[in-house]
Amino acid sequence: EALASVVADRDQVDEAVRESGQDVSTDDGTADRLMMPLPTNAEQERIARQLATSRGVTVQGPPGTGKSHTIVNLVSHLVAQGKRVLVTAEKEQAL
């Protein structure tokens, strides 16, 4: 489902998930309770809430603006909800 959601239409992914017998609903209330281990700011909290209604998000910005900090918080939040996370980077050091 995770890979398909990157390359396929959301309706197609939802239909494939339904056919496999899984539930496609994502509104379980956990998005309201942010579970982030590092200090957060309003922008990070907005991004986490945006993830509750979309299948992905891109974090970009110049060096030193907190991208890695934000990604750590987002990954922790999603894993705490029992979700799978795919993180990619051009360089191994970034991972």
PDB file of N, CA and C in Angstrom:
ATOM      1  N   GLU A   1       0.822  -1.203   0.000  1.00  0.00           N
ATOM      2  CA  GLU A   1       0.000   0.000   0.000  1.00  0.00           C
ATOM      3  C   GLU A   1       0.859   1.257   0.000  1.00  0.00           C
ATOM      4  N   ALA A   2       1.926   1.276   0.811  1.00  0.00           N
ATOM      5  CA  ALA A   2       2.748   2.487   0.912  1.00  0.00           C
ATOM      6  C   ALA A   2       3.371   2.850  -0.430  1.00  0.00           C
ATOM      7  N   LEU A   3       3.974   1.877  -1.097  1.00  0.00           N
ATOM      8  CA  LEU A   3       4.590   2.163  -2.387  1.00  0.00           C
ATOM      9  C   LEU A   3       3.528   2.506  -3.420  1.00  0.00           C
ATOM     10  N   ALA A   4       2.427   1.785  -3.419  1.00  0.00           N
ATOM     11  CA  ALA A   4       1.357   2.057  -4.378  1.00  0.00           C
ATOM     12  C   ALA A   4       0.801   3.456  -4.197  1.00  0.00           C
ATOM     13  N   SER A   5       0.746   3.932  -2.960  1.00  0.00           N
ATOM     14  CA  SER A   5       0.192   5.259  -2.721  1.00  0.00           C
ATOM     15  C   SER A   5       1.064   6.362  -3.298  1.00  0.00           C
ATOM     16  N   VAL A   6       2.337   6.057  -3.544  1.00  0.00           N
ATOM     17  CA  VAL A   6       3.236   7.033  -4.143  1.00  0.00           C
ATOM     18  C   VAL A   6       3.030   7.100  -5.653  1.00  0.00           C
ATOM     19  N   VAL A   7       2.708   5.974  -6.273  1.00  0.00           N
ATOM     20  CA  VAL A   7       2.660   5.916  -7.734  1.00  0.00           C
ATOM     21  C   VAL A   7       1.255   5.737  -8.310  1.00  0.00           C
ATOM     22  N   ALA A   8       0.255   5.536  -7.474  1.00  0.00           N
ATOM     23  CA  ALA A   8      -1.094   5.274  -7.981  1.00  0.00           C
ATOM     24  C   ALA A   8      -2.090   6.277  -7.422  1.00  0.00           C
ATOM     25  N   ASP A   9      -3.220   6.353  -8.082  1.00  0.00           N
ATOM     26  CA  ASP A   9      -4.337   7.188  -7.655  1.00  0.00           C
ATOM     27  C   ASP A   9      -4.856   6.675  -6.306  1.00  0.00           C
ATOM     28  N   ARG A  10      -5.225   7.589  -5.411  1.00  0.00           N
ATOM     29  CA  ARG A  10      -5.679   7.212  -4.067  1.00  0.00           C
ATOM     30  C   ARG A  10      -6.856   6.239  -4.113  1.00  0.00           C
ATOM     31  N   ASP A  11      -7.807   6.462  -5.022  1.00  0.00           N
ATOM     32  CA  ASP A  11      -8.958   5.570  -5.125  1.00  0.00           C
ATOM     33  C   ASP A  11      -8.536   4.153  -5.502  1.00  0.00           C
ATOM     34  N   GLN A  12      -7.561   4.036  -6.392  1.00  0.00           N
ATOM     35  CA  GLN A  12      -7.065   2.718  -6.790  1.00  0.00           C
ATOM     36  C   GLN A  12      -6.400   2.009  -5.612  1.00  0.00           C
ATOM     37  N   VAL A  13      -5.626   2.743  -4.848  1.00  0.00           N
ATOM     38  CA  VAL A  13      -4.965   2.159  -3.682  1.00  0.00           C
ATOM     39  C   VAL A  13      -6.001   1.709  -2.662  1.00  0.00           C
ATOM     40  N   ASP A  14      -6.983   2.571  -2.373  1.00  0.00           N
ATOM     41  CA  ASP A  14      -8.029   2.214  -1.413  1.00  0.00           C
ATOM     42  C   ASP A  14      -8.775   0.961  -1.854  1.00  0.00           C
ATOM     43  N   GLU A  15      -9.067   0.857  -3.144  1.00  0.00           N
ATOM     44  CA  GLU A  15      -9.778  -0.317  -3.662  1.00  0.00           C
ATOM     45  C   GLU A  15      -8.929  -1.576  -3.494  1.00  0.00           C
ATOM     46  N   ALA A  16      -7.649  -1.485  -3.786  1.00  0.00           N
ATOM     47  CA  ALA A  16      -6.751  -2.633  -3.625  1.00  0.00           C
ATOM     48  C   ALA A  16      -6.660  -3.052  -2.161  1.00  0.00           C
ATOM     49  N   VAL A  17      -6.621  -2.076  -1.263  1.00  0.00           N
ATOM     50  CA  VAL A  17      -6.564  -2.391   0.173  1.00  0.00           C
ATOM     51  C   VAL A  17      -7.858  -3.073   0.608  1.00  0.00           C
ATOM     52  N   ARG A  18      -9.010  -2.547   0.142  1.00  0.00           N
ATOM     53  CA  ARG A  18     -10.302  -3.178   0.467  1.00  0.00           C
ATOM     54  C   ARG A  18     -10.348  -4.624  -0.015  1.00  0.00           C
ATOM     55  N   GLU A  19      -9.866  -4.852  -1.232  1.00  0.00           N
ATOM     56  CA  GLU A  19      -9.876  -6.202  -1.796  1.00  0.00           C
ATOM     57  C   GLU A  19      -9.011  -7.163  -0.988  1.00  0.00           C
ATOM     58  N   SER A  20      -7.981  -6.636  -0.332  1.00  0.00           N
ATOM     59  CA  SER A  20      -7.124  -7.492   0.490  1.00  0.00           C
ATOM     60  C   SER A  20      -7.743  -7.767   1.860  1.00  0.00           C
ATOM     61  N   GLY A  21      -8.889  -7.133   2.125  1.00  0.00           N
ATOM     62  CA  GLY A  21      -9.580  -7.372   3.386  1.00  0.00           C
ATOM     63  C   GLY A  21      -9.213  -6.412   4.495  1.00  0.00           C
ATOM     64  N   GLN A  22      -8.420  -5.383   4.196  1.00  0.00           N
ATOM     65  CA  GLN A  22      -8.017  -4.414   5.211  1.00  0.00           C
ATOM     66  C   GLN A  22      -8.966  -3.239   5.219  1.00  0.00           C
ATOM     67  N   ASP A  23      -8.977  -2.520   6.337  1.00  0.00           N
ATOM     68  CA  ASP A  23      -9.789  -1.314   6.484  1.00  0.00           C
ATOM     69  C   ASP A  23      -9.016  -0.121   5.950  1.00  0.00           C
ATOM     70  N   VAL A  24      -9.656   0.723   5.120  1.00  0.00           N
ATOM     71  CA  VAL A  24      -8.974   1.884   4.552  1.00  0.00           C
ATOM     72  C   VAL A  24      -9.193   3.142   5.367  1.00  0.00           C
ATOM     73  N   SER A  25     -10.013   3.107   6.392  1.00  0.00           N
ATOM     74  CA  SER A  25     -10.231   4.319   7.180  1.00  0.00           C
ATOM     75  C   SER A  25      -8.983   4.640   7.978  1.00  0.00           C
ATOM     76  N   THR A  26      -8.662   5.946   8.068  1.00  0.00           N
ATOM     77  CA  THR A  26      -7.462   6.362   8.802  1.00  0.00           C
ATOM     78  C   THR A  26      -7.800   7.301   9.941  1.00  0.00           C
ATOM     79  N   ASP A  27      -9.061   7.634  10.138  1.00  0.00           N
ATOM     80  CA  ASP A  27      -9.430   8.584  11.182  1.00  0.00           C
ATOM     81  C   ASP A  27      -9.691   7.845  12.483  1.00  0.00           C
ATOM     82  N   ASP A  28      -8.612   7.521  13.198  1.00  0.00           N
ATOM     83  CA  ASP A  28      -8.752   6.789  14.456  1.00  0.00           C
ATOM     84  C   ASP A  28      -8.522   7.678  15.672  1.00  0.00           C
ATOM     85  N   GLY A  29      -8.393   8.979  15.452  1.00  0.00           N
ATOM     86  CA  GLY A  29      -8.227   9.910  16.551  1.00  0.00           C
ATOM     87  C   GLY A  29      -6.807  10.103  17.011  1.00  0.00           C
ATOM     88  N   THR A  30      -5.870   9.249  16.567  1.00  0.00           N
ATOM     89  CA  THR A  30      -4.496   9.373  17.047  1.00  0.00           C
ATOM     90  C   THR A  30      -3.796  10.590  16.470  1.00  0.00           C
ATOM     91  N   ALA A  31      -4.278  11.129  15.353  1.00  0.00           N
ATOM     92  CA  ALA A  31      -3.637  12.308  14.780  1.00  0.00           C
ATOM     93  C   ALA A  31      -3.811  13.528  15.682  1.00  0.00           C
ATOM     94  N   ASP A  32      -4.859  13.519  16.509  1.00  0.00           N
ATOM     95  CA  ASP A  32      -5.086  14.641  17.420  1.00  0.00           C
ATOM     96  C   ASP A  32      -4.085  14.651  18.564  1.00  0.00           C
ATOM     97  N   ARG A  33      -3.515  13.497  18.874  1.00  0.00           N
ATOM     98  CA  ARG A  33      -2.555  13.372  19.957  1.00  0.00           C
ATOM     99  C   ARG A  33      -1.167  13.212  19.348  1.00  0.00           C
ATOM    100  N   LEU A  34      -0.410  14.283  19.295  1.00  0.00           N
ATOM    101  CA  LEU A  34       0.907  14.234  18.686  1.00  0.00           C
ATOM    102  C   LEU A  34       1.894  13.561  19.619  1.00  0.00           C
ATOM    103  N   MET A  35       2.643  12.595  19.096  1.00  0.00           N
ATOM    104  CA  MET A  35       3.612  11.847  19.890  1.00  0.00           C
ATOM    105  C   MET A  35       4.995  12.085  19.299  1.00  0.00           C
ATOM    106  N   MET A  36       5.610  13.187  19.705  1.00  0.00           N
ATOM    107  CA  MET A  36       6.903  13.584  19.162  1.00  0.00           C
ATOM    108  C   MET A  36       7.917  13.699  20.289  1.00  0.00           C
ATOM    109  N   PRO A  37       9.066  13.022  20.161  1.00  0.00           N
ATOM    110  CA  PRO A  37      10.042  12.999  21.252  1.00  0.00           C
ATOM    111  C   PRO A  37      10.855  14.283  21.405  1.00  0.00           C
ATOM    112  N   LEU A  38      11.011  15.046  20.332  1.00  0.00           N
ATOM    113  CA  LEU A  38      11.807  16.274  20.373  1.00  0.00           C
ATOM    114  C   LEU A  38      10.891  17.487  20.479  1.00  0.00           C
ATOM    115  N   PRO A  39      11.390  18.606  20.959  1.00  0.00           N
ATOM    116  CA  PRO A  39      10.559  19.820  21.021  1.00  0.00           C
ATOM    117  C   PRO A  39       9.984  20.137  19.641  1.00  0.00           C
ATOM    118  N   THR A  40       8.751  20.642  19.624  1.00  0.00           N
ATOM    119  CA  THR A  40       8.083  20.937  18.352  1.00  0.00           C
ATOM    120  C   THR A  40       7.738  22.415  18.253  1.00  0.00           C
ATOM    121  N   ASN A  41       7.476  22.818  17.016  1.00  0.00           N
ATOM    122  CA  ASN A  41       6.967  24.162  16.786  1.00  0.00           C
ATOM    123  C   ASN A  41       5.640  24.043  16.036  1.00  0.00           C
ATOM    124  N   ALA A  42       4.986  25.150  15.810  1.00  0.00           N
ATOM    125  CA  ALA A  42       3.663  25.140  15.182  1.00  0.00           C
ATOM    126  C   ALA A  42       3.701  24.533  13.781  1.00  0.00           C
ATOM    127  N   GLU A  43       4.764  24.787  13.031  1.00  0.00           N
ATOM    128  CA  GLU A  43       4.872  24.253  11.674  1.00  0.00           C
ATOM    129  C   GLU A  43       4.977  22.729  11.677  1.00  0.00           C
ATOM    130  N   GLN A  44       5.764  22.167  12.591  1.00  0.00           N
ATOM    131  CA  GLN A  44       5.876  20.713  12.690  1.00  0.00           C
ATOM    132  C   GLN A  44       4.538  20.091  13.069  1.00  0.00           C
ATOM    133  N   GLU A  45       3.828  20.719  13.971  1.00  0.00           N
ATOM    134  CA  GLU A  45       2.513  20.202  14.369  1.00  0.00           C
ATOM    135  C   GLU A  45       1.524  20.290  13.215  1.00  0.00           C
ATOM    136  N   ARG A  46       1.613  21.359  12.417  1.00  0.00           N
ATOM    137  CA  ARG A  46       0.738  21.496  11.246  1.00  0.00           C
ATOM    138  C   ARG A  46       1.018  20.390  10.235  1.00  0.00           C
ATOM    139  N   ILE A  47       2.287  20.096  10.011  1.00  0.00           N
ATOM    140  CA  ILE A  47       2.663  19.040   9.073  1.00  0.00           C
ATOM    141  C   ILE A  47       2.140  17.690   9.560  1.00  0.00           C
ATOM    142  N   ALA A  48       2.270  17.397  10.842  1.00  0.00           N
ATOM    143  CA  ALA A  48       1.789  16.130  11.394  1.00  0.00           C
ATOM    144  C   ALA A  48       0.279  16.000  11.224  1.00  0.00           C
ATOM    145  N   ARG A  49      -0.443  17.079  11.436  1.00  0.00           N
ATOM    146  CA  ARG A  49      -1.896  17.030  11.261  1.00  0.00           C
ATOM    147  C   ARG A  49      -2.260  16.890   9.778  1.00  0.00           C
ATOM    148  N   GLN A  50      -1.455  17.487   8.907  1.00  0.00           N
ATOM    149  CA  GLN A  50      -1.690  17.354   7.467  1.00  0.00           C
ATOM    150  C   GLN A  50      -1.542  15.895   7.045  1.00  0.00           C
ATOM    151  N   LEU A  51      -0.615  15.186   7.659  1.00  0.00           N
ATOM    152  CA  LEU A  51      -0.419  13.778   7.326  1.00  0.00           C
ATOM    153  C   LEU A  51      -1.641  12.927   7.662  1.00  0.00           C
ATOM    154  N   ALA A  52      -2.469  13.393   8.577  1.00  0.00           N
ATOM    155  CA  ALA A  52      -3.668  12.639   8.939  1.00  0.00           C
ATOM    156  C   ALA A  52      -4.656  12.584   7.786  1.00  0.00           C
ATOM    157  N   THR A  53      -4.566  13.529   6.848  1.00  0.00           N
ATOM    158  CA  THR A  53      -5.524  13.569   5.738  1.00  0.00           C
ATOM    159  C   THR A  53      -4.869  13.356   4.375  1.00  0.00           C
ATOM    160  N   SER A  54      -3.553  13.125   4.351  1.00  0.00           N
ATOM    161  CA  SER A  54      -2.879  12.870   3.075  1.00  0.00           C
ATOM    162  C   SER A  54      -1.958  11.677   3.232  1.00  0.00           C
ATOM    163  N   ARG A  55      -1.507  11.140   2.128  1.00  0.00           N
ATOM    164  CA  ARG A  55      -0.670   9.931   2.168  1.00  0.00           C
ATOM    165  C   ARG A  55       0.817  10.226   2.211  1.00  0.00           C
ATOM    166  N   GLY A  56       1.216  11.475   2.135  1.00  0.00           N
ATOM    167  CA  GLY A  56       2.630  11.790   2.176  1.00  0.00           C
ATOM    168  C   GLY A  56       2.865  13.271   2.322  1.00  0.00           C
ATOM    169  N   VAL A  57       4.094  13.617   2.618  1.00  0.00           N
ATOM    170  CA  VAL A  57       4.473  15.015   2.768  1.00  0.00           C
ATOM    171  C   VAL A  57       5.951  15.138   2.398  1.00  0.00           C
ATOM    172  N   THR A  58       6.310  16.269   1.833  1.00  0.00           N
ATOM    173  CA  THR A  58       7.704  16.553   1.506  1.00  0.00           C
ATOM    174  C   THR A  58       8.197  17.663   2.427  1.00  0.00           C
ATOM    175  N   VAL A  59       9.335  17.433   3.061  1.00  0.00           N
ATOM    176  CA  VAL A  59       9.938  18.439   3.928  1.00  0.00           C
ATOM    177  C   VAL A  59      11.172  18.963   3.195  1.00  0.00           C
ATOM    178  N   GLN A  60      11.173  20.253   2.907  1.00  0.00           N
ATOM    179  CA  GLN A  60      12.319  20.837   2.200  1.00  0.00           C
ATOM    180  C   GLN A  60      12.649  22.203   2.766  1.00  0.00           C
ATOM    181  N   GLY A  61      13.878  22.623   2.562  1.00  0.00           N
ATOM    182  CA  GLY A  61      14.317  23.933   3.028  1.00  0.00           C
ATOM    183  C   GLY A  61      15.826  24.018   3.023  1.00  0.00           C
ATOM    184  N   PRO A  62      16.354  25.213   3.219  1.00  0.00           N
ATOM    185  CA  PRO A  62      17.809  25.381   3.221  1.00  0.00           C
ATOM    186  C   PRO A  62      18.448  24.719   4.448  1.00  0.00           C
ATOM    187  N   PRO A  63      19.765  24.524   4.393  1.00  0.00           N
ATOM    188  CA  PRO A  63      20.465  23.910   5.529  1.00  0.00           C
ATOM    189  C   PRO A  63      20.224  24.682   6.834  1.00  0.00           C
ATOM    190  N   GLY A  64      20.082  23.914   7.913  1.00  0.00           N
ATOM    191  CA  GLY A  64      19.954  24.524   9.230  1.00  0.00           C
ATOM    192  C   GLY A  64      18.565  24.979   9.613  1.00  0.00           C
ATOM    193  N   THR A  65      17.548  24.598   8.830  1.00  0.00           N
ATOM    194  CA  THR A  65      16.189  25.055   9.132  1.00  0.00           C
ATOM    195  C   THR A  65      15.368  24.029   9.915  1.00  0.00           C
ATOM    196  N   GLY A  66      15.972  22.897  10.285  1.00  0.00           N
ATOM    197  CA  GLY A  66      15.275  21.927  11.131  1.00  0.00           C
ATOM    198  C   GLY A  66      14.597  20.792  10.386  1.00  0.00           C
ATOM    199  N   LYS A  67      15.020  20.518   9.163  1.00  0.00           N
ATOM    200  CA  LYS A  67      14.384  19.437   8.390  1.00  0.00           C
ATOM    201  C   LYS A  67      14.570  18.085   9.074  1.00  0.00           C
ATOM    202  N   SER A  68      15.795  17.772   9.471  1.00  0.00           N
ATOM    203  CA  SER A  68      16.058  16.477  10.113  1.00  0.00           C
ATOM    204  C   SER A  68      15.300  16.362  11.424  1.00  0.00           C
ATOM    205  N   HIS A  69      15.272  17.414  12.195  1.00  0.00           N
ATOM    206  CA  HIS A  69      14.535  17.465  13.459  1.00  0.00           C
ATOM    207  C   HIS A  69      13.050  17.183  13.193  1.00  0.00           C
ATOM    208  N   THR A  70      12.517  17.824  12.175  1.00  0.00           N
ATOM    209  CA  THR A  70      11.101  17.633  11.810  1.00  0.00           C
ATOM    210  C   THR A  70      10.846  16.202  11.381  1.00  0.00           C
ATOM    211  N   ILE A  71      11.730  15.655  10.558  1.00  0.00           N
ATOM    212  CA  ILE A  71      11.544  14.291  10.065  1.00  0.00           C
ATOM    213  C   ILE A  71      11.588  13.289  11.208  1.00  0.00           C
ATOM    214  N   VAL A  72      12.509  13.464  12.155  1.00  0.00           N
ATOM    215  CA  VAL A  72      12.577  12.566  13.321  1.00  0.00           C
ATOM    216  C   VAL A  72      11.257  12.603  14.084  1.00  0.00           C
ATOM    217  N   ASN A  73      10.729  13.786  14.310  1.00  0.00           N
ATOM    218  CA  ASN A  73       9.451  13.903  15.019  1.00  0.00           C
ATOM    219  C   ASN A  73       8.314  13.252  14.240  1.00  0.00           C
ATOM    220  N   LEU A  74       8.274  13.475  12.935  1.00  0.00           N
ATOM    221  CA  LEU A  74       7.195  12.905  12.127  1.00  0.00           C
ATOM    222  C   LEU A  74       7.271  11.379  12.078  1.00  0.00           C
ATOM    223  N   VAL A  75       8.467  10.854  11.887  1.00  0.00           N
ATOM    224  CA  VAL A  75       8.627   9.397  11.852  1.00  0.00           C
ATOM    225  C   VAL A  75       8.224   8.799  13.194  1.00  0.00           C
ATOM    226  N   SER A  76       8.670   9.397  14.282  1.00  0.00           N
ATOM    227  CA  SER A  76       8.311   8.902  15.615  1.00  0.00           C
ATOM    228  C   SER A  76       6.803   8.932  15.833  1.00  0.00           C
ATOM    229  N   HIS A  77       6.170  10.015  15.436  1.00  0.00           N
ATOM    230  CA  HIS A  77       4.723  10.165  15.579  1.00  0.00           C
ATOM    231  C   HIS A  77       3.986   9.076  14.801  1.00  0.00           C
ATOM    232  N   LEU A  78       4.388   8.855  13.560  1.00  0.00           N
ATOM    233  CA  LEU A  78       3.702   7.867  12.730  1.00  0.00           C
ATOM    234  C   LEU A  78       3.950   6.441  13.208  1.00  0.00           C
ATOM    235  N   VAL A  79       5.173   6.125  13.604  1.00  0.00           N
ATOM    236  CA  VAL A  79       5.474   4.786  14.108  1.00  0.00           C
ATOM    237  C   VAL A  79       4.711   4.524  15.405  1.00  0.00           C
ATOM    238  N   ALA A  80       4.583   5.538  16.246  1.00  0.00           N
ATOM    239  CA  ALA A  80       3.816   5.391  17.490  1.00  0.00           C
ATOM    240  C   ALA A  80       2.353   5.083  17.212  1.00  0.00           C
ATOM    241  N   GLN A  81       1.878   5.492  16.042  1.00  0.00           N
ATOM    242  CA  GLN A  81       0.501   5.189  15.639  1.00  0.00           C
ATOM    243  C   GLN A  81       0.393   3.823  14.960  1.00  0.00           C
ATOM    244  N   GLY A  82       1.526   3.133  14.833  1.00  0.00           N
ATOM    245  CA  GLY A  82       1.521   1.820  14.193  1.00  0.00           C
ATOM    246  C   GLY A  82       1.579   1.898  12.676  1.00  0.00           C
ATOM    247  N   LYS A  83       1.988   3.036  12.140  1.00  0.00           N
ATOM    248  CA  LYS A  83       2.037   3.203  10.690  1.00  0.00           C
ATOM    249  C   LYS A  83       3.433   2.897  10.173  1.00  0.00           C
ATOM    250  N   ARG A  84       3.489   2.567   8.895  1.00  0.00           N
ATOM    251  CA  ARG A  84       4.761   2.329   8.230  1.00  0.00           C
ATOM    252  C   ARG A  84       5.262   3.627   7.630  1.00  0.00           C
ATOM    253  N   VAL A  85       6.584   3.783   7.613  1.00  0.00           N
ATOM    254  CA  VAL A  85       7.190   5.020   7.120  1.00  0.00           C
ATOM    255  C   VAL A  85       8.318   4.669   6.166  1.00  0.00           C
ATOM    256  N   LEU A  86       8.348   5.342   5.032  1.00  0.00           N
ATOM    257  CA  LEU A  86       9.443   5.206   4.081  1.00  0.00           C
ATOM    258  C   LEU A  86      10.167   6.535   4.009  1.00  0.00           C
ATOM    259  N   VAL A  87      11.469   6.520   4.327  1.00  0.00           N
ATOM    260  CA  VAL A  87      12.294   7.721   4.255  1.00  0.00           C
ATOM    261  C   VAL A  87      13.358   7.481   3.196  1.00  0.00           C
ATOM    262  N   THR A  88      13.485   8.394   2.257  1.00  0.00           N
ATOM    263  CA  THR A  88      14.518   8.262   1.227  1.00  0.00           C
ATOM    264  C   THR A  88      15.411   9.496   1.252  1.00  0.00           C
ATOM    265  N   ALA A  89      16.619   9.312   0.776  1.00  0.00           N
ATOM    266  CA  ALA A  89      17.573  10.420   0.687  1.00  0.00           C
ATOM    267  C   ALA A  89      18.570  10.099  -0.411  1.00  0.00           C
ATOM    268  N   GLU A  90      19.125  11.126  -0.993  1.00  0.00           N
ATOM    269  CA  GLU A  90      20.102  10.932  -2.047  1.00  0.00           C
ATOM    270  C   GLU A  90      21.412  10.378  -1.489  1.00  0.00           C
ATOM    271  N   LYS A  91      21.800  10.838  -0.292  1.00  0.00           N
ATOM    272  CA  LYS A  91      23.070  10.418   0.294  1.00  0.00           C
ATOM    273  C   LYS A  91      22.837   9.567   1.535  1.00  0.00           C
ATOM    274  N   GLU A  92      23.691   8.576   1.700  1.00  0.00           N
ATOM    275  CA  GLU A  92      23.575   7.669   2.845  1.00  0.00           C
ATOM    276  C   GLU A  92      23.700   8.400   4.167  1.00  0.00           C
ATOM    277  N   GLN A  93      24.551   9.429   4.234  1.00  0.00           N
ATOM    278  CA  GLN A  93      24.751  10.177   5.472  1.00  0.00           C
ATOM    279  C   GLN A  93      23.442  10.786   5.970  1.00  0.00           C
ATOM    280  N   ALA A  94      22.596  11.212   5.059  1.00  0.00           N
ATOM    281  CA  ALA A  94      21.318  11.812   5.451  1.00  0.00           C
ATOM    282  C   ALA A  94      20.416  10.784   6.134  1.00  0.00           C
ATOM    283  N   LEU A  95      20.490   9.541   5.707  1.00  0.00           N
ATOM    284  CA  LEU A  95      19.661   8.508   6.329  1.00  0.00           C
ATOM    285  C   LEU A  95      20.197   8.143   7.702  1.00  0.00           C
TER     286      LEU A  95
END
